[in-house]
């Protein structure tokens, strides 16, 4: 998969997760479910950002790969 396809996938995933966060925040009546939904969505978004935009997997590669 090319880097551009991965970038588009990450961008779309972040957009979808943002919509999911809004729905949980605006529509969920149960506070526990709202908290869990927002936490899961935010954690997933943070993971995607660290993986793709911050190039976190490079930390564990050898020096020759950089």
Foldseek 3Di string as FASTA:
>chain_A
DDLVVLVVVLVVLLVVLVVQLVCLVPPPPDPVSSVVSNVVSVVVNVVSCCVNVVVVVVVPDDPVVD
